[in-house]
Amino acid sequence: MKWPWRAKTRAEADGLAFDEDSIGKLIEERIEAEAEAAEAAERAGHRRMVERWGGRVVDWQGWLARSPVGVDLLHWWFDEVELTALVGEERYLERLGELLSRAEARDVAAMGLGCTRRVDRACRFAEVCGQDPPPGEELASHRHGEVPGACSSFIDCHSKHQIDVTFADGDRHRSVLFFRDHPGKALLWVDGVRVGEGRRLDNGGFWEDDRFFTIRIEGPEDHPEQGIPAMGRRLYNIVSLLIHDAVRGTTRILVPEAGESWTDPVLDVSEGTGRVYATREDRAAGATPDRIFPLDTPLHEPLDAPQAG
């Protein structure tokens, strides 16, 4: 019986075998092709990133590559139209507030919001502001300009949300306000906690002693000096003052009495007490405060009761 196959001769086997040089050349060609494909994909990804998020985001790549929430924040910010269509405006705003409440100053700067240096344009000094602060140096509040760690305050002058993000000393606390063109629609977070819900809020607040966030809110309708807002004012003439203690996580609302003309109330912190003046001019002039109260009032005591100054 004859089988349909037979052993190949050595000459035939040598003709079919690849020599080592040929195999090495094939491997090199494959590696080069894969490298070229990876470079082409990287260039295409870079182009798409610039088209979608803008060229200035590239300047923050060094920081964003190690930021815990920076990329998520940029994605949520720049893809607002698609994400709002997916989850609705209410959930979109909630998530944006959550991300901003966890973001570092450099993340907010990368969004392109105006900063303490220039509120009308994005940061132009990412090569400096994107750096880490020197070892052992704490980020101070009220910082601005070309400074490692970025500015301490950011304002959105271009979107309908009118975002205001302000960091306290050491960036341990921060406020996030969406004014949204109307006091009744404003949303406020302090250290990630919603504050002032259901209240008409002013379009900005202030940190006092890097612990207390204060913001003017709607005043009592029955106040004898109450009336329609004056030109340029967003609230009524007489306003109340919301004070959030970021250390204790508590909020108190101080409402002016009939004899207190609070048109621009301000809190001053001194020797463990809070002092409320009717206007900033009164505080600057050393006038007698309308209220003086202990800052660490036990939680079971009323927080909005007037006290004689």
Foldseek 3Di string as FASTA:
>chain_A
DDDPDDDDDPVVVVVPDDDPVVVVVVVVVVVVVVVVVVVVVVVVVVVVCCVQQNDLLVLLVVLVVPFPQLVVLSCLLSVVVVVCVVPNDVVSVLVNLQSLLPGFQSSVLSSFAAAPVGRVTGDPQSVQCSAAAPPPDAAAFPDADRHHRHHQWTFHPPDQQGWIWGAHTSSPKIKIWRLRPAQQPIWIDISSHTPDPRWRWFSDWDDAPSFKIKTWTEADPPQPPWDDPDPPGRYTQATKMWIAGNVVRDIAIAHDDNVQRQRAWDWHDDDQKIFIASHPVCVVVVHHGQAIGGPPPPPVDHRHDGDHD
